[in-house]
Amino acid sequence: MVNIKTAGKRNVLTGAVATAVAGAAFGVVALTGTATADTGATVRADRDGPRPTVVLEHGAFADSSSWNGVVARLRADGYPVVAAADPLRGPHDDATALRGLLDHIKGPKILVGHSYGGSVISEAAANDPDVKALVYVAAFLPAPGESALELTGKYPGSTLPDALDPVSVTRPDGTRGTDLYIRQDKFRHQFAADVPREEAALAAAGQRPIAQTALEEKATAAAWKTIPSWAVVTTQDLNIPAAAQRFMAERAHARVTEVAASHAVAVSRPGVVTRVIEDAARATR
């Protein structure tokens, strides 16, 4: 396990999980690629062949722009990248959407999930021989039969329930449901204590909701059982307690990097996240 320390006093994680958990991410200006991973980056090759396409799956309250800093670094290093759009409706439906994109991208792939996106990649990558590695960034690694809500409640420390703003919605079939947002006045403290205040404020205003049922839905597949995995564990996380992240990563025999960062580590520490992704790419070629 690699430990990465930052200056400053660690936050003490307090509180208990009540009714929901989810991932954080940020949406301001997205660096986008096409579904064919033709992002304009120079794809470098060596004696082992071309570099794999890195497919990034964001978490709740987010869009693909939460990966901006990571995308820029991967492109500069010659990796083709696609930051996928996660519908945030439920692990099964979201994994089905992601599989459509994966089937369209030819060649080897590295799949990366942040927070709730970890649940999605765990199902989407199952039985896909082109997915060479999984990278979990402050993420869920559920086993079949487990939900995001259950895993977060396994250990104390999440303060997310008190920050949630539930909104009643009508689904396309006419039934009623609940979408979850984060209260804007609590967004930075809850998700992004180490992100500049103005950037966090913009992200709070542009957040996308997740269906409450998505956090309660039980996993049906766990690709980490057969695909080599890496994990970034965030020790100042107020969404998914570090103890829960460690439990899941160790169970998956993932190669773990710990960093003293908030849940928004891909935004606050993109260099660390990029390094772990590239380590996974090199190790599985």
Foldseek 3Di string as FASTA:
>chain_A
DAEAEDDDDFDAFADAFDQFFKFDFFDDDAQADDLQLPSVAAFDADPVGTFAEEEEEEMAQYFLRSLVLLVVVCSVVRHRYHDDGAPQEAQVVRLVVVLVSVVNHDAAYEYEYAALRLSNCQVNCPPPPRHAEYEYEVYDQAAFPDFQSRLQRVDGGAPQVVQKDWDWDADPVGDIFIWIAGHLVCQCVQFNVLADPVRSSNSSVRTDTHTSVNRVDGGHGGNLQPHAYAYEAACNENRRHSVSRVVSCVVSVHHYYYYPGYSSCSNNPVVVVNVRSVVSRVVRD
